[in-house]
Amino acid sequence: MRYLSIALCVVTMAAGTGFVPGVASVAQAQQADGVPITFRVLDIEGKPIPTAVIRHPDEMSRHRVNAETGEAPITELYMPDGSQVVFQKGDRIPFEVSAPGYNSVSYIYEVKKRRNLVISTLEKMNIDALLDDDGDDPVIQFGRDKPID
């Protein structure tokens, strides 16, 4: 019983100083995770686009938005070399937002300390302008697709 009270006293004293062995503080956990950025992708009428994706130009994977809200929270990127990029205040991050049937948008976002909400509005493609008079099927580019010459 005497050993239990000594151990409880040590933990209580450590907790009073703000240091508890093996437990990271909330500030340390948030700093390690990076600053979250929430993307909201809408059409011209302000409705969410359920098929939209967000991606960094150097990243191999795409971040899909929630089909109901059109939002995608992103806290880190995974690069092709295996490295992980976490967002910190002041970082300037390039992003591409695209969806089938909509014109893609590219821009650079500067990360703030908090409340990082990026609202992207995509315009519908004009399919009639893509149709050729020779009867060929239209070529609709998606994301970073490039036509072969």
N, C-alpha and C. Protein backbone atom coordinates (compact mmCIF):
# COMPACT_ATOMS: atom_id res chain seq x y z
N MET A 1 0.82 -1.19 0.00
CA MET A 1 0.00 0.00 0.00
C MET A 1 0.87 1.25 0.00
N ARG A 2 2.00 1.18 0.66
CA ARG A 2 2.88 2.33 0.73
C ARG A 2 3.45 2.67 -0.65
N TYR A 3 3.76 1.67 -1.47
CA TYR A 3 4.30 1.91 -2.80
C TYR A 3 3.27 2.56 -3.71
N LEU A 4 2.01 2.19 -3.59
CA LEU A 4 0.95 2.76 -4.39
C LEU A 4 0.80 4.25 -4.12
N SER A 5 0.86 4.66 -2.89
CA SER A 5 0.71 6.08 -2.57
C SER A 5 1.89 6.90 -3.08
N ILE A 6 3.09 6.33 -3.08
CA ILE A 6 4.25 7.05 -3.61
C ILE A 6 4.11 7.23 -5.12
N ALA A 7 3.71 6.19 -5.83
CA ALA A 7 3.52 6.28 -7.27
C ALA A 7 2.43 7.29 -7.61
N LEU A 8 1.35 7.30 -6.87
CA LEU A 8 0.26 8.24 -7.10
C LEU A 8 0.75 9.67 -6.86
N CYS A 9 1.59 9.86 -5.86
CA CYS A 9 2.14 11.17 -5.55
C CYS A 9 3.03 11.67 -6.69
N VAL A 10 3.86 10.79 -7.28
CA VAL A 10 4.74 11.17 -8.37
C VAL A 10 3.93 11.57 -9.60
N VAL A 11 2.91 10.80 -9.94
CA VAL A 11 2.06 11.13 -11.09
C VAL A 11 1.33 12.44 -10.84
N THR A 12 0.83 12.66 -9.64
CA THR A 12 0.13 13.90 -9.32
C THR A 12 1.06 15.09 -9.42
N MET A 13 2.28 14.96 -8.94
CA MET A 13 3.25 16.05 -9.02
C MET A 13 3.61 16.32 -10.48
N ALA A 14 3.79 15.27 -11.27
CA ALA A 14 4.13 15.45 -12.67
C ALA A 14 2.98 16.11 -13.42
N ALA A 15 1.75 15.74 -13.10
CA ALA A 15 0.60 16.34 -13.76
C ALA A 15 0.46 17.81 -13.40
N GLY A 16 0.84 18.18 -12.19
CA GLY A 16 0.77 19.57 -11.77
C GLY A 16 1.75 20.45 -12.52
N THR A 17 2.86 19.90 -12.98
CA THR A 17 3.85 20.68 -13.71
C THR A 17 3.54 20.72 -15.20
N GLY A 18 2.53 19.98 -15.64
CA GLY A 18 2.20 19.95 -17.05
C GLY A 18 2.96 18.88 -17.80
N PHE A 19 3.79 18.11 -17.10
CA PHE A 19 4.55 17.05 -17.75
C PHE A 19 4.13 15.71 -17.21
N VAL A 20 3.63 14.85 -18.07
CA VAL A 20 3.30 13.49 -17.70
C VAL A 20 4.08 12.59 -18.65
N PRO A 21 4.96 11.74 -18.10
CA PRO A 21 5.78 10.89 -18.97
C PRO A 21 4.91 10.02 -19.89
N GLY A 22 5.29 9.99 -21.19
CA GLY A 22 4.60 9.14 -22.15
C GLY A 22 3.31 9.73 -22.69
N VAL A 23 2.92 10.94 -22.28
CA VAL A 23 1.69 11.55 -22.77
C VAL A 23 2.04 12.88 -23.42
N ALA A 24 1.73 13.02 -24.72
CA ALA A 24 2.02 14.26 -25.43
C ALA A 24 0.92 15.27 -25.15
N SER A 25 1.29 16.52 -25.13
CA SER A 25 0.28 17.57 -24.91
C SER A 25 -0.55 17.74 -26.17
N VAL A 26 -1.68 18.42 -26.04
CA VAL A 26 -2.57 18.66 -27.18
C VAL A 26 -1.86 19.51 -28.22
N ALA A 27 -1.09 20.52 -27.79
CA ALA A 27 -0.37 21.38 -28.73
C ALA A 27 0.65 20.59 -29.52
N GLN A 28 1.37 19.64 -28.86
CA GLN A 28 2.35 18.82 -29.57
C GLN A 28 1.67 17.91 -30.58
N ALA A 29 0.53 17.36 -30.21
CA ALA A 29 -0.19 16.46 -31.12
C ALA A 29 -0.69 17.22 -32.34
N GLN A 30 -1.20 18.45 -32.15
CA GLN A 30 -1.69 19.23 -33.28
C GLN A 30 -0.55 19.64 -34.18
N GLN A 31 0.60 20.00 -33.60
CA GLN A 31 1.73 20.42 -34.41
C GLN A 31 2.26 19.25 -35.25
N ALA A 32 2.28 18.05 -34.69
CA ALA A 32 2.76 16.88 -35.42
C ALA A 32 1.82 16.52 -36.55
N ASP A 33 0.51 16.70 -36.36
CA ASP A 33 -0.48 16.36 -37.37
C ASP A 33 -0.56 17.39 -38.48
N GLY A 34 -0.15 18.60 -38.23
CA GLY A 34 -0.25 19.66 -39.23
C GLY A 34 -1.58 20.40 -39.12
N VAL A 35 -1.69 21.44 -39.90
CA VAL A 35 -2.88 22.28 -39.90
C VAL A 35 -3.85 21.72 -40.93
N PRO A 36 -5.11 21.45 -40.56
CA PRO A 36 -6.06 20.92 -41.53
C PRO A 36 -6.57 22.00 -42.48
N ILE A 37 -6.75 21.62 -43.74
CA ILE A 37 -7.36 22.49 -44.74
C ILE A 37 -8.62 21.77 -45.22
N THR A 38 -9.74 22.47 -45.19
CA THR A 38 -10.99 21.89 -45.68
C THR A 38 -11.33 22.53 -47.01
N PHE A 39 -11.49 21.70 -48.02
CA PHE A 39 -11.89 22.17 -49.35
C PHE A 39 -13.38 21.93 -49.52
N ARG A 40 -14.07 22.90 -50.07
CA ARG A 40 -15.49 22.76 -50.40
C ARG A 40 -15.63 23.08 -51.88
N VAL A 41 -16.10 22.10 -52.66
CA VAL A 41 -16.20 22.26 -54.11
C VAL A 41 -17.68 22.39 -54.47
N LEU A 42 -18.01 23.51 -55.11
CA LEU A 42 -19.40 23.83 -55.46
C LEU A 42 -19.50 24.16 -56.94
N ASP A 43 -20.74 24.04 -57.47
CA ASP A 43 -20.97 24.49 -58.83
C ASP A 43 -21.40 25.96 -58.79
N ILE A 44 -21.75 26.52 -59.94
CA ILE A 44 -22.12 27.93 -60.04
C ILE A 44 -23.34 28.26 -59.17
N GLU A 45 -24.23 27.31 -59.02
CA GLU A 45 -25.46 27.52 -58.24
C GLU A 45 -25.24 27.34 -56.74
N GLY A 46 -24.03 26.96 -56.33
CA GLY A 46 -23.73 26.78 -54.91
C GLY A 46 -24.03 25.38 -54.39
N LYS A 47 -24.27 24.43 -55.29
CA LYS A 47 -24.53 23.05 -54.89
C LYS A 47 -23.21 22.26 -54.89
N PRO A 48 -23.05 21.33 -53.94
CA PRO A 48 -21.83 20.52 -53.90
C PRO A 48 -21.70 19.64 -55.14
N ILE A 49 -20.47 19.46 -55.59
CA ILE A 49 -20.18 18.57 -56.72
C ILE A 49 -19.67 17.26 -56.12
N PRO A 50 -20.49 16.19 -56.16
CA PRO A 50 -20.13 14.95 -55.46
C PRO A 50 -18.95 14.19 -56.08
N THR A 51 -18.60 14.46 -57.32
CA THR A 51 -17.54 13.71 -57.99
C THR A 51 -16.20 14.45 -58.03
N ALA A 52 -16.10 15.57 -57.33
CA ALA A 52 -14.89 16.38 -57.38
C ALA A 52 -13.74 15.73 -56.62
N VAL A 53 -12.52 16.03 -57.06
CA VAL A 53 -11.31 15.56 -56.40
C VAL A 53 -10.33 16.72 -56.28
N ILE A 54 -9.51 16.66 -55.23
CA ILE A 54 -8.47 17.65 -54.99
C ILE A 54 -7.15 16.92 -54.99
N ARG A 55 -6.14 17.53 -55.61
CA ARG A 55 -4.82 16.90 -55.59
C ARG A 55 -3.73 17.95 -55.70
N HIS A 56 -2.58 17.60 -55.17
CA HIS A 56 -1.36 18.39 -55.30
C HIS A 56 -0.70 17.97 -56.61
N PRO A 57 -0.10 18.89 -57.38
CA PRO A 57 0.48 18.50 -58.67
C PRO A 57 1.53 17.39 -58.59
N ASP A 58 2.27 17.29 -57.47
CA ASP A 58 3.31 16.27 -57.35
C ASP A 58 2.83 14.99 -56.68
N GLU A 59 1.62 15.00 -56.13
CA GLU A 59 1.11 13.84 -55.40
C GLU A 59 0.45 12.86 -56.36
N MET A 60 0.59 11.58 -56.08
CA MET A 60 0.03 10.57 -56.96
C MET A 60 -1.45 10.29 -56.67
N SER A 61 -1.87 10.45 -55.43
CA SER A 61 -3.26 10.14 -55.09
C SER A 61 -4.14 11.38 -55.14
N ARG A 62 -5.46 11.13 -55.24
CA ARG A 62 -6.44 12.20 -55.27
C ARG A 62 -7.26 12.14 -54.00
N HIS A 63 -7.74 13.28 -53.55
CA HIS A 63 -8.57 13.36 -52.36
C HIS A 63 -10.00 13.63 -52.81
N ARG A 64 -10.87 12.64 -52.62
CA ARG A 64 -12.27 12.78 -53.03
C ARG A 64 -13.04 13.58 -52.00
N VAL A 65 -14.02 14.33 -52.48
CA VAL A 65 -14.87 15.09 -51.58
C VAL A 65 -16.02 14.22 -51.09
N ASN A 66 -16.62 14.62 -49.98
CA ASN A 66 -17.81 13.96 -49.47
C ASN A 66 -18.94 14.24 -50.47
N ALA A 67 -19.67 13.22 -50.88
CA ALA A 67 -20.69 13.37 -51.91
C ALA A 67 -21.84 14.27 -51.48
N GLU A 68 -22.15 14.34 -50.20
CA GLU A 68 -23.28 15.16 -49.74
C GLU A 68 -22.88 16.61 -49.48
N THR A 69 -21.70 16.82 -48.92
CA THR A 69 -21.30 18.18 -48.54
C THR A 69 -20.36 18.83 -49.54
N GLY A 70 -19.68 18.03 -50.36
CA GLY A 70 -18.71 18.57 -51.30
C GLY A 70 -17.41 18.97 -50.62
N GLU A 71 -17.19 18.50 -49.38
CA GLU A 71 -16.01 18.89 -48.61
C GLU A 71 -14.99 17.76 -48.52
N ALA A 72 -13.73 18.16 -48.42
CA ALA A 72 -12.64 17.20 -48.22
C ALA A 72 -11.63 17.82 -47.27
N PRO A 73 -11.52 17.31 -46.03
CA PRO A 73 -10.48 17.81 -45.13
C PRO A 73 -9.16 17.11 -45.43
N ILE A 74 -8.09 17.89 -45.55
CA ILE A 74 -6.77 17.35 -45.86
C ILE A 74 -5.78 17.93 -44.85
N THR A 75 -4.96 17.07 -44.24
CA THR A 75 -3.96 17.54 -43.28
C THR A 75 -2.54 17.24 -43.74
N GLU A 76 -2.38 16.31 -44.67
CA GLU A 76 -1.05 15.97 -45.14
C GLU A 76 -1.11 15.44 -46.56
N LEU A 77 0.06 15.43 -47.21
CA LEU A 77 0.19 14.91 -48.56
C LEU A 77 1.24 13.80 -48.54
N TYR A 78 1.07 12.81 -49.40
CA TYR A 78 2.03 11.72 -49.52
C TYR A 78 2.67 11.79 -50.90
N MET A 79 3.95 12.10 -50.93
CA MET A 79 4.67 12.30 -52.18
C MET A 79 5.15 10.97 -52.76
N PRO A 80 5.45 10.94 -54.08
CA PRO A 80 5.89 9.70 -54.72
C PRO A 80 7.17 9.11 -54.13
N ASP A 81 8.03 9.94 -53.55
CA ASP A 81 9.27 9.42 -52.97
C ASP A 81 9.06 8.81 -51.59
N GLY A 82 7.81 8.79 -51.10
CA GLY A 82 7.50 8.21 -49.80
C GLY A 82 7.47 9.21 -48.67
N SER A 83 7.83 10.45 -48.94
CA SER A 83 7.82 11.46 -47.89
C SER A 83 6.41 11.95 -47.62
N GLN A 84 6.22 12.48 -46.44
CA GLN A 84 4.93 13.02 -46.03
C GLN A 84 5.09 14.52 -45.80
N VAL A 85 4.18 15.31 -46.36
CA VAL A 85 4.20 16.76 -46.18
C VAL A 85 3.00 17.14 -45.32
N VAL A 86 3.28 17.72 -44.14
CA VAL A 86 2.20 18.22 -43.29
C VAL A 86 2.14 19.72 -43.44
N PHE A 87 0.93 20.28 -43.36
CA PHE A 87 0.74 21.70 -43.57
C PHE A 87 1.06 22.47 -42.29
N GLN A 88 1.80 23.54 -42.44
CA GLN A 88 2.13 24.44 -41.34
C GLN A 88 1.75 25.86 -41.75
N LYS A 89 1.51 26.70 -40.77
CA LYS A 89 1.15 28.09 -41.03
C LYS A 89 2.20 28.75 -41.92
N GLY A 90 1.74 29.44 -42.97
CA GLY A 90 2.63 30.14 -43.88
C GLY A 90 3.03 29.34 -45.10
N ASP A 91 2.78 28.03 -45.12
CA ASP A 91 3.11 27.22 -46.30
C ASP A 91 2.25 27.66 -47.48
N ARG A 92 2.85 27.67 -48.65
CA ARG A 92 2.11 27.97 -49.89
C ARG A 92 2.00 26.65 -50.66
N ILE A 93 0.79 26.13 -50.73
CA ILE A 93 0.56 24.80 -51.29
C ILE A 93 -0.23 24.92 -52.60
N PRO A 94 0.31 24.37 -53.72
CA PRO A 94 -0.46 24.36 -54.97
C PRO A 94 -1.47 23.20 -54.96
N PHE A 95 -2.67 23.44 -55.47
CA PHE A 95 -3.70 22.43 -55.57
C PHE A 95 -4.41 22.52 -56.89
N GLU A 96 -4.95 21.38 -57.34
CA GLU A 96 -5.80 21.31 -58.51
C GLU A 96 -7.14 20.74 -58.08
N VAL A 97 -8.21 21.37 -58.50
CA VAL A 97 -9.56 20.89 -58.20
C VAL A 97 -10.21 20.56 -59.53
N SER A 98 -10.74 19.33 -59.65
CA SER A 98 -11.35 18.92 -60.91
C SER A 98 -12.52 17.98 -60.64
N ALA A 99 -13.39 17.89 -61.64
CA ALA A 99 -14.54 16.98 -61.60
C ALA A 99 -14.94 16.69 -63.04
N PRO A 100 -15.43 15.49 -63.32
CA PRO A 100 -15.87 15.17 -64.68
C PRO A 100 -16.99 16.12 -65.12
N GLY A 101 -16.83 16.68 -66.33
CA GLY A 101 -17.84 17.58 -66.87
C GLY A 101 -17.68 19.02 -66.44
N TYR A 102 -16.64 19.33 -65.66
CA TYR A 102 -16.39 20.70 -65.19
C TYR A 102 -14.98 21.12 -65.59
N ASN A 103 -14.78 22.42 -65.75
CA ASN A 103 -13.45 22.95 -66.01
C ASN A 103 -12.62 22.88 -64.73
N SER A 104 -11.39 22.41 -64.84
CA SER A 104 -10.50 22.30 -63.68
C SER A 104 -9.98 23.67 -63.27
N VAL A 105 -9.62 23.78 -61.99
CA VAL A 105 -9.07 25.02 -61.44
C VAL A 105 -7.77 24.69 -60.72
N SER A 106 -6.73 25.49 -60.94
CA SER A 106 -5.46 25.35 -60.24
C SER A 106 -5.15 26.65 -59.52
N TYR A 107 -4.62 26.55 -58.31
CA TYR A 107 -4.27 27.74 -57.55
C TYR A 107 -3.31 27.37 -56.44
N ILE A 108 -2.77 28.41 -55.78
CA ILE A 108 -1.85 28.24 -54.66
C ILE A 108 -2.54 28.81 -53.42
N TYR A 109 -2.57 28.01 -52.35
CA TYR A 109 -3.22 28.44 -51.11
C TYR A 109 -2.17 28.63 -50.03
N GLU A 110 -2.24 29.76 -49.31
CA GLU A 110 -1.34 30.01 -48.18
C GLU A 110 -2.04 29.58 -46.91
N VAL A 111 -1.43 28.66 -46.17
CA VAL A 111 -2.03 28.07 -44.97
C VAL A 111 -2.03 29.09 -43.83
N LYS A 112 -3.19 29.22 -43.20
CA LYS A 112 -3.33 30.08 -42.02
C LYS A 112 -3.24 29.21 -40.77
N LYS A 113 -3.18 29.85 -39.62
CA LYS A 113 -3.05 29.12 -38.36
C LYS A 113 -4.28 28.26 -38.08
N ARG A 114 -5.46 28.79 -38.39
CA ARG A 114 -6.71 28.04 -38.21
C ARG A 114 -7.75 28.56 -39.19
N ARG A 115 -8.86 27.86 -39.24
CA ARG A 115 -9.97 28.20 -40.15
C ARG A 115 -9.54 28.24 -41.61
N ASN A 116 -8.97 27.16 -42.07
CA ASN A 116 -8.54 27.04 -43.47
C ASN A 116 -9.65 26.39 -44.27
N LEU A 117 -10.55 27.20 -44.76
CA LEU A 117 -11.65 26.73 -45.62
C LEU A 117 -11.44 27.31 -47.00
N VAL A 118 -11.28 26.43 -47.98
CA VAL A 118 -11.07 26.84 -49.36
C VAL A 118 -12.33 26.47 -50.14
N ILE A 119 -13.02 27.47 -50.67
CA ILE A 119 -14.23 27.23 -51.45
C ILE A 119 -13.87 27.39 -52.92
N SER A 120 -14.04 26.31 -53.67
CA SER A 120 -13.75 26.31 -55.11
C SER A 120 -15.06 26.19 -55.87
N THR A 121 -15.26 27.07 -56.83
CA THR A 121 -16.45 27.03 -57.67
C THR A 121 -16.02 26.60 -59.06
N LEU A 122 -16.59 25.50 -59.53
CA LEU A 122 -16.26 24.98 -60.86
C LEU A 122 -17.39 25.28 -61.84
N GLU A 123 -17.01 25.64 -63.06
CA GLU A 123 -17.99 25.88 -64.12
C GLU A 123 -18.12 24.64 -64.98
N LYS A 124 -19.33 24.40 -65.46
CA LYS A 124 -19.56 23.26 -66.36
C LYS A 124 -18.85 23.49 -67.68
N MET A 125 -18.39 22.39 -68.27
CA MET A 125 -17.77 22.47 -69.60
C MET A 125 -18.84 22.73 -70.64
N ASN A 126 -18.47 23.43 -71.69
CA ASN A 126 -19.37 23.64 -72.81
C ASN A 126 -19.10 22.51 -73.81
N ILE A 127 -19.89 21.45 -73.69
CA ILE A 127 -19.68 20.25 -74.52
C ILE A 127 -19.90 20.55 -75.99
N ASP A 128 -20.85 21.44 -76.31
CA ASP A 128 -21.13 21.75 -77.72
C ASP A 128 -19.92 22.36 -78.41
N ALA A 129 -19.14 23.13 -77.68
CA ALA A 129 -17.95 23.74 -78.27
C ALA A 129 -16.87 22.70 -78.55
N LEU A 130 -16.90 21.57 -77.84
CA LEU A 130 -15.91 20.52 -78.04
C LEU A 130 -16.22 19.62 -79.23
N LEU A 131 -17.47 19.62 -79.68
CA LEU A 131 -17.85 18.77 -80.80
C LEU A 131 -17.27 19.30 -82.10
N ASP A 132 -16.70 18.40 -82.88
CA ASP A 132 -16.16 18.79 -84.18
C ASP A 132 -17.22 18.59 -85.24
N ASP A 133 -17.05 19.28 -86.34
CA ASP A 133 -17.97 19.11 -87.47
C ASP A 133 -17.73 17.81 -88.21
N ASP A 134 -16.56 17.17 -87.98
CA ASP A 134 -16.25 15.95 -88.72
C ASP A 134 -16.88 14.70 -88.09
N GLY A 135 -17.61 14.85 -86.99
CA GLY A 135 -18.33 13.73 -86.40
C GLY A 135 -17.55 12.91 -85.40
N ASP A 136 -16.30 13.28 -85.12
CA ASP A 136 -15.52 12.55 -84.13
C ASP A 136 -16.07 12.81 -82.74
N ASP A 137 -15.84 11.84 -81.85
CA ASP A 137 -16.25 12.01 -80.47
C ASP A 137 -15.41 13.12 -79.83
N PRO A 138 -16.02 13.89 -78.92
CA PRO A 138 -15.26 14.96 -78.27
C PRO A 138 -14.23 14.38 -77.29
N VAL A 139 -13.13 15.10 -77.14
CA VAL A 139 -12.10 14.73 -76.18
C VAL A 139 -12.30 15.61 -74.95
N ILE A 140 -12.63 14.99 -73.82
CA ILE A 140 -12.84 15.73 -72.59
C ILE A 140 -11.70 15.40 -71.66
N GLN A 141 -10.90 16.40 -71.34
CA GLN A 141 -9.78 16.18 -70.46
C GLN A 141 -10.25 16.20 -69.02
N PHE A 142 -9.65 15.36 -68.20
CA PHE A 142 -9.97 15.31 -66.78
C PHE A 142 -8.69 15.44 -65.99
N GLY A 143 -8.68 16.39 -65.06
CA GLY A 143 -7.50 16.56 -64.22
C GLY A 143 -6.31 16.95 -65.04
N ARG A 144 -5.27 16.14 -64.98
CA ARG A 144 -4.02 16.46 -65.69
C ARG A 144 -3.83 15.64 -66.95
N ASP A 145 -4.92 15.06 -67.49
CA ASP A 145 -4.81 14.29 -68.73
C ASP A 145 -4.34 15.18 -69.86
N LYS A 146 -3.48 14.65 -70.69
CA LYS A 146 -3.00 15.40 -71.85
C LYS A 146 -3.22 14.52 -73.08
N PRO A 147 -3.74 15.12 -74.16
CA PRO A 147 -3.96 14.31 -75.37
C PRO A 147 -2.64 13.87 -75.99
N ILE A 148 -2.65 12.70 -76.61
CA ILE A 148 -1.48 12.17 -77.30
C ILE A 148 -1.49 12.71 -78.71
N ASP A 149 -0.34 13.24 -79.17
CA ASP A 149 -0.25 13.79 -80.53
C ASP A 149 -0.21 12.71 -81.55
